[in-house]
Protein backbone atom coordinates (compact mmCIF):
# COMPACT_ATOMS: atom_id res chain seq x y z
CA MET A 1 124.05 57.39 77.06
CA THR A 2 120.29 56.83 77.18
CA GLU A 3 119.29 53.77 79.17
CA LYS A 4 117.42 51.18 77.14
CA ILE A 5 113.75 50.46 77.78
CA ARG A 6 113.42 47.12 79.60
CA ILE A 7 110.45 44.91 78.68
CA LEU A 8 109.33 41.71 80.38
CA ILE A 9 107.62 39.03 78.23
CA VAL A 10 104.99 36.84 79.91
CA GLU A 11 104.05 34.03 77.50
CA ASP A 12 103.69 30.29 78.01
CA GLU A 13 104.08 29.42 74.31
CA LEU A 14 107.83 29.26 73.69
CA LEU A 15 107.69 30.04 69.95
CA VAL A 16 105.51 33.13 70.53
CA ALA A 17 107.79 34.26 73.35
CA GLU A 18 110.92 33.93 71.19
CA ASP A 19 109.19 35.73 68.33
CA LEU A 20 108.34 38.64 70.65
CA LYS A 21 111.89 38.69 71.97
CA GLU A 22 113.36 39.01 68.46
CA MET A 23 110.93 41.83 67.66
CA LEU A 24 111.77 43.77 70.83
CA LEU A 25 115.52 43.43 70.29
CA GLY A 26 115.04 44.61 66.74
CA PHE A 27 113.17 47.71 68.02
CA GLY A 28 116.15 48.52 70.25
CA TYR A 29 114.55 47.45 73.54
CA GLU A 30 116.10 45.27 76.22
CA VAL A 31 114.28 42.07 77.20
CA SER A 32 114.28 41.69 81.01
CA GLY A 33 113.27 38.06 80.81
CA ILE A 34 110.58 35.62 79.78
CA ALA A 35 108.03 34.26 82.27
CA ASP A 36 105.58 31.45 81.50
CA THR A 37 103.42 31.81 84.66
CA GLY A 38 101.79 34.66 86.51
CA GLU A 39 103.72 33.89 89.67
CA MET A 40 107.03 33.97 87.78
CA ALA A 41 106.05 37.25 86.13
CA ILE A 42 105.53 38.94 89.51
CA ALA A 43 108.86 37.60 90.78
CA LEU A 44 110.75 38.86 87.70
CA VAL A 45 109.10 42.29 87.97
CA ASP A 46 110.34 42.58 91.55
CA GLU A 47 113.82 41.43 90.52
CA LYS A 48 114.37 43.12 87.13
CA HIS A 49 112.21 46.28 87.44
CA PRO A 50 111.13 46.40 83.78
CA ASN A 51 109.59 49.52 82.22
CA LEU A 52 106.75 47.58 80.58
CA VAL A 53 105.21 44.09 80.54
CA LEU A 54 103.82 42.22 77.53
CA MET A 55 101.33 39.91 79.24
CA ASP A 56 99.59 36.87 77.78
CA ILE A 57 96.19 36.40 79.47
CA ASN A 58 95.68 32.64 79.17
CA LEU A 59 98.64 31.16 81.08
CA ALA A 60 99.17 27.51 81.99
CA SER A 61 99.26 28.28 85.70
CA ALA A 62 96.95 28.90 88.66
CA MET A 63 97.33 32.65 88.16
CA ASP A 64 96.26 33.98 84.78
CA GLY A 65 97.66 37.09 83.10
CA ILE A 66 94.89 39.44 84.27
CA THR A 67 95.39 38.51 87.92
CA ALA A 68 99.15 38.89 87.57
CA GLY A 69 98.68 42.19 85.70
CA ARG A 70 96.45 43.59 88.44
CA ASP A 71 99.04 42.74 91.09
CA ILE A 72 101.87 44.31 89.09
CA ARG A 73 99.86 47.49 88.38
CA LEU A 74 98.89 47.90 92.02
CA ARG A 75 102.33 47.31 93.48
CA ARG A 76 104.62 48.71 90.80
CA GLY A 77 102.48 50.89 88.54
CA ILE A 78 104.20 49.39 85.49
CA PRO A 79 102.26 49.65 82.20
CA ILE A 80 100.78 46.35 81.02
CA ILE A 81 99.94 45.39 77.43
CA TYR A 82 97.81 42.28 77.14
CA VAL A 83 98.60 39.97 74.21
CA THR A 84 95.95 37.28 73.83
CA SER A 85 93.89 35.15 71.49
CA PHE A 86 90.77 35.74 73.57
CA ALA A 87 88.53 38.78 73.22
CA THR A 88 85.26 37.83 74.88
CA GLN A 89 83.39 40.63 76.62
CA ALA A 90 83.88 39.00 80.00
CA ILE A 91 87.67 38.89 79.54
CA ILE A 92 87.78 42.45 78.24
CA ASP A 93 85.72 43.65 81.22
CA ARG A 94 88.12 41.92 83.63
CA ALA A 95 91.13 43.33 81.82
CA LYS A 96 89.76 46.90 81.83
CA LYS A 97 89.61 46.92 85.63
CA THR A 98 93.40 46.53 85.77
CA HIS A 99 93.87 49.71 83.69
CA PRO A 100 96.02 48.19 80.93
CA SER A 101 98.00 50.33 78.52
CA GLY A 102 97.04 48.19 75.51
CA TYR A 103 95.25 45.08 74.29
CA ILE A 104 96.62 43.16 71.27
CA LEU A 105 94.92 40.18 69.68
CA LYS A 106 96.90 37.26 68.28
CA PRO A 107 98.06 36.81 65.60
CA PHE A 108 99.91 40.13 65.66
CA ASN A 109 102.58 41.76 63.51
CA GLU A 110 105.63 43.86 64.30
CA ARG A 111 103.89 47.15 63.56
CA GLN A 112 101.10 46.41 66.04
CA ILE A 113 103.57 45.51 68.78
CA GLN A 114 105.82 48.51 68.17
CA THR A 115 102.93 50.98 68.01
CA ALA A 116 101.31 49.61 71.16
CA ILE A 117 104.60 49.81 73.08
CA GLU A 118 105.39 53.37 71.99
CA ILE A 119 101.91 54.61 72.89
CA ALA A 120 101.97 52.78 76.23
CA LEU A 121 105.38 54.22 77.17
CA TYR A 122 104.35 57.73 76.10
CA ASN A 123 101.08 57.61 78.07
CA ASN A 124 102.89 56.23 81.09
CA GLU A 125 105.34 59.13 80.97
CA LEU A 126 102.43 61.58 80.84
CA GLU A 127 100.75 59.80 83.75
CA GLU A 128 103.92 60.03 85.82
CA ARG A 129 104.18 63.76 85.10
CA VAL A 130 100.56 64.25 86.14
CA ASN A 131 101.16 62.31 89.33
CA GLU A 132 104.29 64.33 90.07
CA ASN A 133 102.40 67.56 89.44
CA GLU A 134 99.60 66.44 91.74
CA ILE A 135 102.07 65.55 94.47
CA THR A 136 103.76 68.94 94.05
CA ILE A 137 100.45 70.79 94.17
CA ARG A 138 99.29 68.87 97.23
CA THR A 139 102.63 69.47 98.95
CA LEU A 140 102.35 73.20 98.29
CA ALA A 141 98.69 73.27 99.36
CA ASN A 142 99.49 71.45 102.60
CA ALA A 143 102.44 73.72 103.31
CA ILE A 144 100.06 76.53 104.27
CA PRO A 145 97.87 76.46 107.39
CA ASP A 146 94.86 77.88 105.52
CA ALA A 147 92.01 75.55 104.60
CA VAL A 148 91.65 75.60 100.80
CA MET A 149 89.62 73.71 98.23
CA LEU A 150 88.70 73.76 94.56
CA LEU A 151 85.06 73.50 93.47
CA ASP A 152 83.64 72.99 90.01
CA HIS A 153 80.78 75.04 88.58
CA ASN A 154 78.27 72.71 90.30
CA ARG A 155 79.95 73.29 93.72
CA GLN A 156 81.37 69.79 93.70
CA VAL A 157 84.73 69.23 95.35
CA ILE A 158 87.60 68.75 92.90
CA ALA A 159 90.47 68.98 95.37
CA LEU A 160 91.24 70.17 98.89
CA ASN A 161 94.17 70.28 101.24
CA ASN A 162 94.56 68.45 104.53
CA ALA A 163 93.62 71.52 106.57
CA MET A 164 90.24 71.75 104.82
CA ALA A 165 89.64 68.00 105.03
CA CYS A 166 90.45 68.07 108.74
CA ARG A 167 88.13 71.00 109.32
CA LEU A 168 85.31 69.21 107.52
CA GLY A 169 85.98 66.00 109.41
CA TYR A 170 86.69 63.93 106.27
CA ASN A 171 89.72 62.37 104.65
CA TYR A 172 91.07 63.72 101.37
CA THR A 173 89.79 61.00 99.06
CA GLY A 174 86.45 60.59 100.80
CA ILE A 175 84.83 63.78 99.54
CA GLN A 176 86.18 64.34 96.05
CA ARG A 177 83.41 64.98 93.52
CA ASP A 178 80.88 65.31 96.34
CA SER A 179 78.77 68.44 96.65
CA ALA A 180 80.15 71.05 99.04
CA VAL A 181 76.66 71.41 100.53
CA ASN A 182 76.58 67.67 101.36
CA ILE A 183 79.80 67.92 103.36
CA ASP A 184 78.94 71.25 104.96
CA ARG A 185 79.97 71.63 108.58
CA ASP A 186 78.69 74.35 110.90
CA GLY A 187 77.07 76.05 107.91
CA MET A 188 80.40 77.17 106.47
CA PHE A 189 79.37 76.57 102.83
CA THR A 190 75.67 77.24 103.14
CA SER A 191 76.45 80.84 104.04
CA LEU A 192 78.51 81.21 100.86
CA GLU A 193 75.71 80.50 98.38
CA SER A 194 74.82 84.14 97.81
CA ARG A 195 78.52 84.96 97.45
CA PHE A 196 78.90 82.26 94.81
CA LYS A 197 76.13 83.87 92.78
CA ASP A 198 77.84 87.28 92.98
CA LEU A 199 81.15 85.68 92.01
CA ILE A 200 79.69 83.98 88.94
CA SER A 201 77.86 87.11 87.78
CA SER A 202 80.84 89.45 88.22
CA GLY A 203 83.72 87.07 87.46
CA LEU A 204 85.82 88.97 90.02
CA PRO A 205 87.45 87.66 93.22
CA ILE A 206 85.54 88.23 96.45
CA ARG A 207 87.13 88.64 99.89
CA PHE A 208 85.26 89.16 103.14
CA GLU A 209 85.37 88.40 106.85
CA GLU A 210 82.98 86.01 108.56
CA GLN A 211 82.55 84.63 112.05
CA ASN A 212 81.91 80.90 112.46
CA LEU A 213 81.20 79.87 116.04
CA ASP A 214 84.15 81.23 118.06
CA LYS A 215 86.41 81.67 115.02
CA TRP A 216 86.90 84.54 112.58
CA PHE A 217 87.97 83.92 108.98
CA GLU A 218 88.98 86.01 106.01
CA ILE A 219 87.37 84.12 103.13
CA SER A 220 88.56 84.41 99.54
CA LEU A 221 86.53 83.19 96.57
CA ILE A 222 88.55 83.30 93.35
CA PRO A 223 87.08 82.31 89.98
CA ILE A 224 89.25 80.24 87.65
CA SER A 225 87.96 80.72 84.12
CA ARG A 226 88.51 78.24 81.32
CA SER A 227 87.55 78.18 77.67
CA ASP A 228 84.77 75.76 78.48
CA GLU A 229 82.42 77.37 80.98
CA GLN A 230 81.39 73.94 82.22
CA ASN A 231 84.97 73.40 83.40
CA SER A 232 85.24 76.70 85.28
CA CYS A 233 86.28 76.38 88.92
CA ILE A 234 86.11 78.30 92.18
CA PHE A 235 89.07 78.47 94.56
CA VAL A 236 87.96 78.76 98.19
CA GLN A 237 90.35 79.84 100.95
CA TYR A 238 89.68 80.19 104.68
CA HIS A 239 92.34 82.26 106.47
CA ASP A 240 91.98 82.17 110.27
CA ILE A 241 92.11 85.74 111.63
CA THR A 242 90.78 84.93 115.12
CA ASP A 243 93.99 85.99 116.88
CA HIS A 244 94.11 89.18 114.84
CA LYS A 245 90.50 89.98 115.74
CA ARG A 246 91.13 89.36 119.43
CA PHE A 247 94.25 91.51 119.38
CA GLU A 248 92.40 94.20 117.48
CA GLY A 249 89.54 94.14 120.00
CA SER A 250 91.98 94.24 122.90
CA LEU A 251 93.82 97.13 121.30
CA LYS A 252 90.61 99.08 120.83
CA LYS A 253 89.58 98.51 124.42
CA GLU A 254 93.00 99.60 125.62
CA GLY A 255 92.79 102.67 123.38
CA ILE A 256 89.42 103.70 124.79
CA THR A 257 90.62 103.03 128.34
CA GLN A 258 93.67 105.22 127.67
CA ILE A 259 91.41 107.98 126.36
CA GLU A 260 89.41 107.73 129.61
CA LYS A 261 92.61 108.17 131.59
CA ASN A 262 93.66 111.13 129.45
CA MET A 263 90.28 112.76 129.98
CA GLU A 264 90.61 112.31 133.73
CA GLN A 265 94.07 113.88 133.57
CA PHE A 266 92.71 116.80 131.56
CA GLN A 267 90.10 117.45 134.25
CA THR A 268 92.65 117.12 137.08
CA LEU A 269 95.11 119.48 135.38
CA ASN A 270 92.30 121.91 134.69
CA ASP A 271 91.37 122.02 138.38
CA GLN A 272 94.98 122.17 139.54
CA ILE A 273 95.76 125.08 137.25
CA ARG A 274 92.55 127.11 137.48
CA ASN A 275 92.35 127.24 141.25
CA PRO A 276 95.83 128.82 141.75
CA LEU A 277 95.14 131.00 138.74
CA GLN A 278 92.06 132.49 140.41
CA ALA A 279 94.05 133.17 143.57
CA ILE A 280 96.79 134.96 141.63
CA MET A 281 94.26 137.19 139.93
CA GLY A 282 92.68 137.99 143.29
CA TYR A 283 95.99 139.00 144.80
CA VAL A 284 96.82 141.20 141.80
CA ASN A 285 93.51 143.07 142.07
CA LEU A 286 93.92 143.64 145.80
CA ASP A 287 97.52 144.80 145.89
CA GLY A 288 97.66 146.76 142.66
CA LEU A 289 101.24 145.79 142.10
CA LEU A 290 103.52 147.61 139.71
CA TYR A 291 103.73 144.46 137.55
CA ARG A 292 100.02 143.86 137.54
CA GLU A 293 99.69 144.23 133.74
CA HIS A 294 102.60 141.92 133.08
CA ILE A 295 101.24 139.33 135.51
CA LEU A 296 97.80 139.53 133.91
CA ASN A 297 99.34 138.85 130.49
CA GLN A 298 100.99 135.72 131.86
CA VAL A 299 97.73 134.71 133.49
CA LYS A 300 95.97 135.05 130.15
CA GLN A 301 98.52 132.75 128.53
CA ILE A 302 98.00 130.17 131.26
CA ASP A 303 94.26 130.55 130.86
CA SER A 304 94.68 129.92 127.12
CA LEU A 305 96.51 126.68 127.90
CA VAL A 306 93.70 125.64 130.19
CA ASN A 307 91.17 126.32 127.44
CA ARG A 308 93.21 124.10 125.14
CA LEU A 309 93.04 121.37 127.79
CA ASP A 310 89.28 121.81 127.76
CA ARG A 311 89.17 121.37 124.00
CA GLY A 312 91.43 118.31 124.28
CA TRP A 313 88.99 116.81 126.77
CA VAL A 314 86.07 117.42 124.41
CA GLU A 315 87.89 116.04 121.37
CA SER A 316 89.00 112.94 123.32
CA GLY A 317 85.38 112.38 124.23
CA LYS A 318 84.40 112.50 120.55
CA VAL A 319 87.11 109.97 119.61
CA LYS A 320 85.99 107.69 122.39
CA GLN A 321 82.36 107.78 121.26
CA PHE A 322 83.41 107.11 117.65
CA LEU A 323 85.36 104.02 118.70
CA LEU A 324 82.47 102.82 120.81
CA ARG A 325 80.00 103.21 117.96
CA HIS A 326 82.07 101.75 115.12
CA TYR A 327 84.61 99.33 116.50
CA LEU A 328 83.77 97.93 119.90
CA ASP A 329 81.22 95.11 119.91
CA ASN A 330 80.51 95.21 123.64
CA PRO A 331 80.99 98.66 125.24
CA ASP A 332 79.80 97.24 128.59
CA ASP A 333 83.20 95.59 128.94
CA LEU A 334 84.71 99.04 129.54
CA PRO A 335 84.53 101.00 132.82
CA ASN A 336 81.72 103.51 132.93
CA PRO A 337 82.91 106.85 131.52
CA LYS A 338 83.07 109.58 134.15
CA SER A 339 81.08 112.67 133.39
CA ARG A 340 83.08 115.85 133.43
CA GLU A 341 82.11 118.14 136.25
CA ASN A 342 81.91 121.84 135.74
CA CYS A 343 85.20 123.05 137.13
CA GLY A 344 84.44 126.76 136.69
CA GLY A 345 87.24 129.29 136.38
CA CYS A 346 88.41 131.77 133.85
CA SER A 347 87.02 131.76 130.34
């Protein structure tokens, strides 16, 4: 069974209050109570938790309806419909600041009351959905460690998550609808201006890496197109890749160092193999052994292996130089490469 909508009446004229009560009951609503002062209205809201308040502005109490309405809106978020005989600009301006859901002038009829209530309840439901969606979006945005924000076509901040706000040194609400350039920190947005232009002209996402002080980031700029170009947005994401960069640099250094060690081993093995190989060949030539030809064939195979070690040394040197040229920012961090001495021997 659907729960009835509960409405609180705030009216200091008894006949008007009873008239409103009969109307609301006839519409199928439940009347939470009738208050004749602003103070009583606030107390009944806290006690009865109505879904809507019909609020007279001119109450016979220290607190008028607008003051009571502002308090109820701030603390409870309940929709307020003002019902009053007064419509001066000053009163309307005061009432607008409390964000009412309607404003009905006396004398009123049933149709006016019913229409105002239905519209107010419908708009309130939409507002609650929007608020829930915003909470969900912010929860999801804050669930990731990346700093993200949404900019409009003028580079003004529409939304951002806590990580981005913290990085910029601001709170979430303090920089909405401010220009990204105005809140720039360490030049993080100034450096993106040329990228923004490329993004707008191409309409395609852009991803790149950038160093900011001692940090490295993978930055993503993603256009969000809408039917109205003036409402187009840019999603900005900063993904911290500092640890990855450090690991990558360490890995490259270790790789080059390992190549150095391999090259040293190639040279050592070359010397250790070639020297005995020369002695064997000398003995074979002197003694003229019966198996001289067979031994020489074996020697040639060993010599071929040594030549392959030589080629491995040369190729390792090429790989090392490639890594030094293309990947390592500071080659001086590595030990000085040893030059290969001419070890001589068989060709």
